[in-house]
Amino acid sequence: MLMSTNESKDTLTGKMSTDDYIRFLESKLRWLEVEKERLKMQIKYYQTEIEKLLSPPLVEAIVIDVLDDGRAIVKSTTGPNLIVSVSEKIDKERLHPGMHVALNQRGSTIVEILPDYEDPYVKSMEVIERPEVSFSDIGGLKSQIQELKEVVELPLKNPDLFREVGIEPPKGVLLYGPPGCGKTLLAKAVAHEAGATFISIVGSELVQKFIGEGARIVREVFRLARKKAPAIVFIDEIDAIAARRLDIGTSGEREVQRTLMQLLAEIDGFRPLDNVKIIAATNRIDILDPAILRPGRFDRLIEVPLPDLNGRYEIFKVHTRRMKLRDVDLYELARRAEGATGAEIKAIVTEAGYNAIRDGRKYVTMTDFIKAVDKVMTKKYIRDNNMKYLDNKREKRLFSPIFQ
């Protein structure tokens, strides 16, 4: 049976004095007030979150100019240039051309100044973890390594030397030669040895769908490189954007040409490259545009050819230094692998290791290598003949009146 309020009160007051009971009620009241404030703050938090969820998104824009009447001309990321007003909470003295701002979607009013940031797509091109490849891991390219050191490393590490001599160091180096001869390997070694910020791009990454997007990425890449100088920008397969320009082409080809023109402007424009060096690689130098090959852009053209006999011997030494060898004559292997590229020599070494594993051995013999050379070079011979056949067939189809 439940007691009434008066009965419970009488029971409570019977156990404690009136003053104690008043203090108890006061403490209870303070607790309720604190709880009330806590609930108010929680309600306010959820109201704020609901407002955030219901509020329309802001539009990013770049300030082009600030007018005398307090308004601003901005280029919206949605497309057009707009003349917009500026919110009163924005300090107009801080607005200047090139600044990123946020526009209200309804009235297109500048409501916030955005901090400077780096494009995440471009930022991902920076090589943070350096490759473990050094110049000692490259065989048969001593003259090419020496030229790279003179053109890339020396100006970055000792720029005062060039000022004293009174010359301007080269801006860029173009590595060219057949596939698999070590062009990208040289770039990895430079990234390891130079001690500079290394930014790696593949030429096809600069080919974008929307007009002006490829040129913007080129601009942002060099902006990042200047900010993080000394820096090296490596463009692999540069023929993807630097092919010879034609008078007639599709809209896509014209967009690639715009990207190329932006690259030319960044290399040899009004803005100096300072401590930024460019290395590019291609195996199709014959199709590159003459504008990118002239002195002042790529000042040094370094050929990375097929390795000769001594070069093949050095490459065999590099790839077999961690292997257990028994009665293996590397010089004889280099003679047998005539015409092989560095990549094919690596494939020969790997295949020889597989031969040893198949026989249940932990060491590699000369017989394993001879089998590997025969297998890899036979495939190379078949592949090269197929390519010659396809090239001849293509030429006949294009130029012979019989096939027209």
Protein backbone atom coordinates (compact mmCIF):
# COMPACT_ATOMS: atom_id res chain seq x y z
CA MET A 1 0.00 0.00 0.00
CA LEU A 2 1.46 3.32 -1.11
CA MET A 3 1.81 6.19 1.31
CA SER A 4 0.39 9.61 0.44
CA THR A 5 2.65 12.63 -0.06
CA ASN A 6 1.80 14.10 3.32
CA GLU A 7 2.45 10.73 5.03
CA SER A 8 5.86 10.35 3.32
CA LYS A 9 6.67 13.94 4.24
CA ASP A 10 5.68 13.30 7.85
CA THR A 11 7.78 10.12 7.90
CA LEU A 12 10.79 12.02 6.41
CA THR A 13 10.43 14.97 8.78
CA GLY A 14 10.13 12.56 11.63
CA LYS A 15 13.59 11.24 10.85
CA MET A 16 15.27 14.64 10.16
CA SER A 17 14.81 18.19 11.38
CA THR A 18 13.07 20.93 9.40
CA ASP A 19 16.39 22.65 8.54
CA ASP A 20 17.85 19.43 7.21
CA TYR A 21 14.77 18.88 5.10
CA ILE A 22 15.04 22.41 3.61
CA ARG A 23 18.72 21.84 2.77
CA PHE A 24 17.78 18.56 1.11
CA LEU A 25 15.19 20.29 -1.05
CA GLU A 26 17.65 23.08 -1.98
CA SER A 27 20.28 20.55 -3.07
CA LYS A 28 17.63 18.71 -5.07
CA LEU A 29 16.65 22.01 -6.73
CA ARG A 30 20.28 22.79 -7.65
CA TRP A 31 20.67 19.34 -9.18
CA LEU A 32 17.50 19.86 -11.22
CA GLU A 33 18.82 23.23 -12.46
CA VAL A 34 22.11 21.67 -13.51
CA GLU A 35 20.23 18.88 -15.27
CA LYS A 36 18.04 21.48 -16.98
CA GLU A 37 21.11 23.34 -18.32
CA ARG A 38 22.64 20.08 -19.52
CA LEU A 39 19.47 19.18 -21.40
CA LYS A 40 19.30 22.71 -22.89
CA MET A 41 22.88 22.36 -24.19
CA GLN A 42 22.04 18.95 -25.65
CA ILE A 43 18.93 20.37 -27.35
CA LYS A 44 21.00 23.26 -28.73
CA TYR A 45 23.62 20.81 -30.07
CA TYR A 46 21.01 18.72 -31.87
CA GLN A 47 19.34 21.86 -33.25
CA THR A 48 22.71 22.98 -34.65
CA GLU A 49 23.28 19.57 -36.22
CA ILE A 50 19.80 19.61 -37.79
CA GLU A 51 20.49 23.09 -39.21
CA LYS A 52 23.76 21.83 -40.69
CA LEU A 53 21.98 18.90 -42.30
CA LEU A 54 19.23 21.10 -43.72
CA SER A 55 21.44 24.01 -44.83
CA PRO A 56 22.28 24.13 -48.57
CA PRO A 57 25.93 23.42 -49.58
CA LEU A 58 28.31 26.31 -50.28
CA VAL A 59 29.88 26.80 -53.72
CA GLU A 60 33.65 27.18 -54.04
CA ALA A 61 34.93 30.11 -56.12
CA ILE A 62 38.16 31.97 -56.85
CA VAL A 63 38.33 35.76 -56.49
CA ILE A 64 39.28 37.45 -59.78
CA ASP A 65 39.00 41.10 -58.68
CA VAL A 66 37.61 43.24 -55.85
CA LEU A 67 35.50 46.22 -57.00
CA ASP A 68 35.55 49.69 -55.44
CA ASP A 69 31.91 49.40 -54.31
CA GLY A 70 32.75 46.44 -52.07
CA ARG A 71 31.55 43.72 -54.41
CA ALA A 72 33.83 41.11 -55.97
CA ILE A 73 34.21 39.30 -59.29
CA VAL A 74 34.64 35.58 -58.78
CA LYS A 75 35.01 32.53 -61.00
CA SER A 76 32.68 29.86 -59.72
CA THR A 77 33.64 26.19 -59.94
CA THR A 78 30.18 25.63 -61.43
CA GLY A 79 31.24 27.56 -64.54
CA PRO A 80 30.49 31.28 -65.05
CA ASN A 81 32.15 34.41 -63.68
CA LEU A 82 29.91 36.21 -61.19
CA ILE A 83 29.74 39.69 -59.63
CA VAL A 84 28.76 39.00 -56.02
CA SER A 85 28.31 40.89 -52.76
CA VAL A 86 30.43 40.26 -49.68
CA SER A 87 28.98 39.33 -46.29
CA GLU A 88 29.43 41.88 -43.52
CA LYS A 89 31.25 39.35 -41.36
CA ILE A 90 34.04 39.07 -43.98
CA ASP A 91 37.03 41.39 -43.63
CA LYS A 92 37.20 42.99 -47.10
CA GLU A 93 40.86 43.88 -46.58
CA ARG A 94 41.70 40.17 -46.65
CA LEU A 95 40.10 39.63 -50.08
CA HIS A 96 42.56 39.62 -52.98
CA PRO A 97 42.68 37.99 -56.44
CA GLY A 98 43.44 34.28 -56.46
CA MET A 99 41.91 33.61 -53.03
CA HIS A 100 39.51 30.68 -52.59
CA VAL A 101 36.14 31.69 -51.11
CA ALA A 102 32.78 30.04 -50.38
CA LEU A 103 29.56 31.37 -51.93
CA ASN A 104 26.06 31.02 -50.55
CA GLN A 105 24.14 28.89 -53.03
CA ARG A 106 21.01 31.05 -53.05
CA GLY A 107 22.35 34.58 -53.29
CA SER A 108 25.94 33.78 -54.32
CA THR A 109 27.24 36.00 -51.52
CA ILE A 110 30.78 35.47 -50.25
CA VAL A 111 30.22 34.07 -46.75
CA GLU A 112 33.63 32.55 -45.96
CA ILE A 113 37.30 32.82 -46.92
CA LEU A 114 38.77 29.37 -47.47
CA PRO A 115 42.34 28.54 -46.46
CA ASP A 116 44.91 27.78 -49.15
CA TYR A 117 45.06 24.09 -49.88
CA GLU A 118 46.86 21.74 -52.25
CA ASP A 119 44.88 19.73 -54.76
CA PRO A 120 44.65 16.21 -53.26
CA TYR A 121 45.03 14.67 -56.73
CA VAL A 122 48.29 16.58 -57.26
CA LYS A 123 49.42 16.02 -53.66
CA SER A 124 49.20 12.25 -54.19
CA MET A 125 51.87 12.56 -56.92
CA GLU A 126 54.53 13.47 -54.36
CA VAL A 127 56.71 10.48 -53.56
CA ILE A 128 56.89 10.30 -49.76
CA GLU A 129 58.61 6.94 -49.35
CA ARG A 130 61.74 7.01 -51.48
CA PRO A 131 62.57 3.98 -53.65
CA GLU A 132 65.37 1.77 -52.35
CA VAL A 133 67.15 1.98 -55.72
CA SER A 134 70.53 3.70 -55.83
CA PHE A 135 72.95 4.36 -58.68
CA SER A 136 74.96 1.32 -57.55
CA ASP A 137 71.96 -0.86 -58.46
CA ILE A 138 72.15 0.19 -62.13
CA GLY A 139 74.58 -1.55 -64.43
CA GLY A 140 76.00 -0.45 -67.77
CA LEU A 141 74.83 3.20 -67.67
CA LYS A 142 77.86 5.00 -66.19
CA SER A 143 77.88 7.92 -68.64
CA GLN A 144 74.11 8.44 -68.26
CA ILE A 145 74.42 8.41 -64.46
CA GLN A 146 77.25 10.95 -64.62
CA GLU A 147 75.19 13.30 -66.81
CA LEU A 148 72.18 13.03 -64.49
CA LYS A 149 74.37 13.89 -61.51
CA GLU A 150 75.77 16.94 -63.30
CA VAL A 151 72.42 18.23 -64.55
CA VAL A 152 70.09 17.35 -61.65
CA GLU A 153 71.99 16.71 -58.41
CA LEU A 154 74.79 19.27 -58.72
CA PRO A 155 72.55 22.36 -59.34
CA LEU A 156 70.27 21.38 -56.43
CA LYS A 157 73.06 20.66 -53.97
CA ASN A 158 75.58 23.34 -55.02
CA PRO A 159 73.80 26.24 -56.81
CA ASP A 160 76.50 28.76 -55.80
CA LEU A 161 78.97 27.03 -58.09
CA PHE A 162 76.90 27.94 -61.16
CA ARG A 163 76.50 31.56 -59.99
CA GLU A 164 80.26 31.91 -59.62
CA VAL A 165 80.90 30.47 -63.07
CA GLY A 166 78.14 32.72 -64.48
CA ILE A 167 76.00 30.11 -66.22
CA GLU A 168 72.42 28.95 -65.75
CA PRO A 169 72.06 25.20 -65.12
CA PRO A 170 69.83 23.15 -67.44
CA LYS A 171 66.13 23.04 -66.57
CA GLY A 172 65.28 19.58 -67.77
CA VAL A 173 66.54 16.21 -68.94
CA LEU A 174 64.84 13.89 -71.42
CA LEU A 175 65.69 10.19 -71.15
CA TYR A 176 64.92 8.29 -74.34
CA GLY A 177 65.59 4.83 -75.66
CA PRO A 178 64.01 1.38 -76.18
CA PRO A 179 61.66 -0.03 -73.50
CA GLY A 180 63.24 -1.93 -70.62
CA CYS A 181 66.66 -0.23 -70.76
CA GLY A 182 66.52 1.58 -67.40
CA LYS A 183 64.93 5.02 -67.90
CA THR A 184 62.48 4.73 -65.00
CA LEU A 185 65.16 2.99 -62.93
CA LEU A 186 67.42 6.04 -63.37
CA ALA A 187 64.59 8.31 -62.17
CA LYS A 188 64.07 6.11 -59.08
CA ALA A 189 67.77 6.33 -58.30
CA VAL A 190 67.69 10.13 -58.64
CA ALA A 191 64.72 10.24 -56.24
CA HIS A 192 66.74 8.18 -53.75
CA GLU A 193 70.02 10.10 -54.10
CA ALA A 194 69.06 13.74 -54.66
CA GLY A 195 67.52 14.50 -51.25
CA ALA A 196 64.87 16.71 -52.90
CA THR A 197 61.09 16.54 -53.09
CA PHE A 198 60.27 14.06 -55.86
CA ILE A 199 56.99 14.41 -57.77
CA SER A 200 56.18 11.57 -60.16
CA ILE A 201 53.59 11.83 -62.97
CA VAL A 202 52.61 9.55 -65.83
CA GLY A 203 51.88 11.52 -69.00
CA SER A 204 48.45 9.92 -69.40
CA GLU A 205 47.38 11.32 -65.99
CA LEU A 206 47.47 14.81 -67.52
CA VAL A 207 44.93 13.85 -70.21
CA GLN A 208 41.59 14.84 -68.68
CA LYS A 209 37.99 14.78 -69.87
CA PHE A 210 36.99 18.40 -69.22
CA ILE A 211 38.38 21.44 -71.03
CA GLY A 212 41.20 23.14 -69.12
CA GLU A 213 41.45 20.43 -66.46
CA GLY A 214 44.73 18.99 -67.77
CA ALA A 215 46.31 22.47 -67.93
CA ARG A 216 45.13 23.15 -64.37
CA ILE A 217 46.78 19.95 -63.10
CA VAL A 218 50.06 20.94 -64.81
CA ARG A 219 49.82 24.37 -63.16
CA GLU A 220 49.15 22.84 -59.73
CA VAL A 221 52.01 20.33 -60.09
CA PHE A 222 54.56 23.08 -60.74
CA ARG A 223 53.02 25.24 -58.01
CA LEU A 224 53.56 22.38 -55.56
CA ALA A 225 57.11 21.86 -56.86
CA ARG A 226 58.01 25.56 -56.41
CA LYS A 227 56.51 25.51 -52.91
CA LYS A 228 58.54 22.44 -51.91
CA ALA A 229 61.76 23.36 -53.74
CA PRO A 230 64.34 21.96 -54.15
CA ALA A 231 62.19 19.53 -56.12
CA ILE A 232 62.32 17.18 -59.10
CA VAL A 233 59.31 16.63 -61.39
CA PHE A 234 59.47 13.30 -63.23
CA ILE A 235 57.10 12.84 -66.20
CA ASP A 236 57.06 9.24 -67.43
CA GLU A 237 55.77 8.43 -70.94
CA ILE A 238 55.75 12.12 -71.88
CA ASP A 239 54.78 11.24 -75.46
CA ALA A 240 51.19 10.82 -74.15
CA ILE A 241 50.83 14.64 -74.08
CA ALA A 242 53.83 15.91 -76.08
CA ALA A 243 53.24 14.25 -79.45
CA ARG A 244 53.76 16.35 -82.56
CA ARG A 245 50.86 18.80 -83.03
CA LEU A 246 48.70 18.46 -86.15
CA ASP A 247 46.56 21.06 -87.95
CA ILE A 248 43.58 18.72 -88.07
CA GLY A 249 42.43 16.85 -85.01
CA THR A 250 39.54 16.00 -82.75
CA SER A 251 38.44 18.08 -79.77
CA GLY A 252 40.21 15.57 -77.51
CA GLU A 253 43.49 16.07 -79.37
CA ARG A 254 43.10 19.85 -79.10
CA GLU A 255 42.65 19.49 -75.33
CA VAL A 256 45.89 17.46 -75.15
CA GLN A 257 47.60 20.25 -77.11
CA ARG A 258 46.34 22.82 -74.56
CA THR A 259 47.87 20.71 -71.80
CA LEU A 260 51.16 20.57 -73.74
CA MET A 261 51.17 24.36 -74.19
CA GLN A 262 50.66 24.81 -70.45
CA LEU A 263 53.60 22.46 -69.81
CA LEU A 264 55.78 24.47 -72.21
CA ALA A 265 54.76 27.70 -70.49
CA GLU A 266 55.63 26.29 -67.04
CA ILE A 267 59.05 25.05 -68.18
CA ASP A 268 60.08 28.15 -70.13
CA GLY A 269 57.60 30.88 -69.17
CA PHE A 270 57.85 34.15 -67.27
CA ARG A 271 57.86 32.44 -63.88
CA PRO A 272 61.30 31.00 -63.09
CA LEU A 273 61.58 27.37 -62.06
CA ASP A 274 64.13 28.25 -59.34
CA ASN A 275 65.25 24.99 -57.70
CA VAL A 276 62.90 22.77 -59.70
CA LYS A 277 64.33 20.28 -62.20
CA ILE A 278 62.36 18.23 -64.74
CA ILE A 279 63.13 14.69 -65.86
CA ALA A 280 61.03 13.12 -68.60
CA ALA A 281 61.17 9.65 -70.16
CA THR A 282 59.93 8.27 -73.47
CA ASN A 283 60.63 5.44 -75.89
CA ARG A 284 59.12 7.39 -78.83
CA ILE A 285 61.31 10.47 -79.22
CA ASP A 286 60.54 10.36 -82.96
CA ILE A 287 56.94 11.54 -82.39
CA LEU A 288 57.67 14.31 -79.85
CA ASP A 289 56.84 17.90 -80.76
CA PRO A 290 59.96 19.93 -81.73
CA ALA A 291 58.87 22.72 -79.35
CA ILE A 292 59.57 20.59 -76.31
CA LEU A 293 62.97 19.39 -77.54
CA ARG A 294 64.59 22.77 -78.10
CA PRO A 295 67.28 24.12 -75.72
CA GLY A 296 65.81 26.03 -72.81
CA ARG A 297 63.23 23.34 -72.11
CA PHE A 298 64.90 19.95 -72.22
CA ASP A 299 68.51 21.09 -72.45
CA ARG A 300 69.94 17.58 -72.21
CA LEU A 301 68.72 14.64 -74.28
CA ILE A 302 70.23 11.52 -72.74
CA GLU A 303 69.95 8.30 -74.72
CA VAL A 304 69.52 5.09 -72.73
CA PRO A 305 70.42 2.50 -75.41
CA LEU A 306 70.47 -1.28 -75.45
CA PRO A 307 73.36 -2.42 -73.24
CA ASP A 308 76.54 -3.56 -74.95
CA LEU A 309 78.58 -6.62 -73.88
CA ASN A 310 80.13 -4.90 -70.86
CA GLY A 311 76.79 -3.34 -69.98
CA ARG A 312 75.05 -6.73 -70.01
CA TYR A 313 77.84 -8.15 -67.84
CA GLU A 314 77.33 -5.31 -65.29
CA ILE A 315 73.55 -5.89 -65.27
CA PHE A 316 74.06 -9.62 -64.68
CA LYS A 317 76.36 -8.76 -61.75
CA VAL A 318 73.71 -6.46 -60.22
CA HIS A 319 70.86 -8.98 -60.47
CA THR A 320 72.88 -12.02 -59.30
CA ARG A 321 74.67 -10.48 -56.32
CA ARG A 322 72.21 -12.01 -53.82
CA MET A 323 72.07 -15.41 -55.53
CA LYS A 324 74.04 -18.55 -54.63
CA LEU A 325 75.97 -19.34 -57.82
CA ARG A 326 78.02 -22.41 -58.71
CA ASP A 327 80.41 -22.38 -61.70
CA VAL A 328 78.55 -19.54 -63.43
CA ASP A 329 80.41 -17.46 -66.06
CA LEU A 330 78.55 -14.13 -66.21
CA TYR A 331 80.67 -12.89 -69.09
CA GLU A 332 79.65 -15.90 -71.19
CA LEU A 333 75.99 -15.27 -70.29
CA ALA A 334 76.35 -11.64 -71.37
CA ARG A 335 77.75 -12.85 -74.73
CA ARG A 336 74.87 -15.31 -75.21
CA ALA A 337 72.23 -12.64 -74.33
CA GLU A 338 73.18 -10.34 -77.21
CA GLY A 339 70.45 -7.78 -77.93
CA ALA A 340 68.74 -8.25 -74.54
CA THR A 341 67.48 -5.26 -72.58
CA GLY A 342 68.00 -4.75 -68.86
CA ALA A 343 64.45 -5.97 -68.19
CA GLU A 344 65.06 -9.13 -70.23
CA ILE A 345 68.29 -9.83 -68.34
CA LYS A 346 66.35 -9.57 -65.09
CA ALA A 347 63.82 -12.04 -66.55
CA ILE A 348 66.69 -14.41 -67.43
CA VAL A 349 68.01 -14.30 -63.85
CA THR A 350 64.51 -14.93 -62.44
CA GLU A 351 63.93 -17.85 -64.84
CA ALA A 352 67.30 -19.38 -63.85
CA GLY A 353 66.22 -19.21 -60.21
CA TYR A 354 62.98 -21.02 -61.11
CA ASN A 355 64.97 -23.75 -62.86
CA ALA A 356 66.96 -24.32 -59.66
CA ILE A 357 63.79 -24.42 -57.55
CA ARG A 358 62.20 -26.99 -59.88
CA ASP A 359 65.24 -29.25 -59.38
CA GLY A 360 65.03 -28.86 -55.58
CA ARG A 361 68.28 -26.86 -55.30
CA LYS A 362 69.07 -23.68 -53.35
CA TYR A 363 71.89 -22.66 -55.66
CA VAL A 364 71.95 -21.79 -59.38
CA THR A 365 74.23 -23.37 -61.96
CA MET A 366 75.39 -22.42 -65.45
CA THR A 367 72.97 -24.94 -66.96
CA ASP A 368 70.04 -23.13 -65.30
CA PHE A 369 71.17 -19.86 -66.84
CA ILE A 370 71.69 -21.33 -70.32
CA LYS A 371 68.15 -22.75 -70.30
CA ALA A 372 66.81 -19.38 -69.12
CA VAL A 373 68.72 -17.47 -71.83
CA ASP A 374 67.38 -19.79 -74.56
CA LYS A 375 63.80 -19.45 -73.29
CA VAL A 376 63.78 -15.64 -72.88
CA MET A 377 65.69 -14.88 -76.09
CA THR A 378 63.45 -17.23 -78.12
CA LYS A 379 60.38 -15.36 -76.88
CA LYS A 380 62.11 -12.07 -77.72
CA TYR A 381 62.86 -13.30 -81.26
CA ILE A 382 59.21 -14.37 -81.83
CA ARG A 383 57.88 -11.11 -80.38
CA ASP A 384 60.20 -8.93 -82.47
CA ASN A 385 59.33 -10.83 -85.68
CA ASN A 386 55.61 -10.46 -84.94
CA MET A 387 56.03 -6.73 -84.42
CA LYS A 388 57.96 -6.40 -87.71
CA TYR A 389 55.23 -8.37 -89.51
CA LEU A 390 52.48 -6.14 -88.07
CA ASP A 391 54.44 -2.98 -88.92
CA ASN A 392 54.99 -4.14 -92.52
CA LYS A 393 51.31 -5.08 -92.84
CA ARG A 394 50.27 -1.67 -91.50
CA GLU A 395 52.60 0.13 -93.94
CA LYS A 396 51.23 -1.85 -96.89
CA ARG A 397 47.66 -1.05 -95.89
CA LEU A 398 48.44 2.65 -95.57
CA PHE A 399 50.73 3.25 -98.52
CA SER A 400 50.21 0.51 -101.12
CA PRO A 401 47.50 1.25 -103.74
CA ILE A 402 46.70 -2.49 -103.87
CA PHE A 403 45.21 -2.38 -100.36
CA GLN A 404 43.32 0.91 -100.81
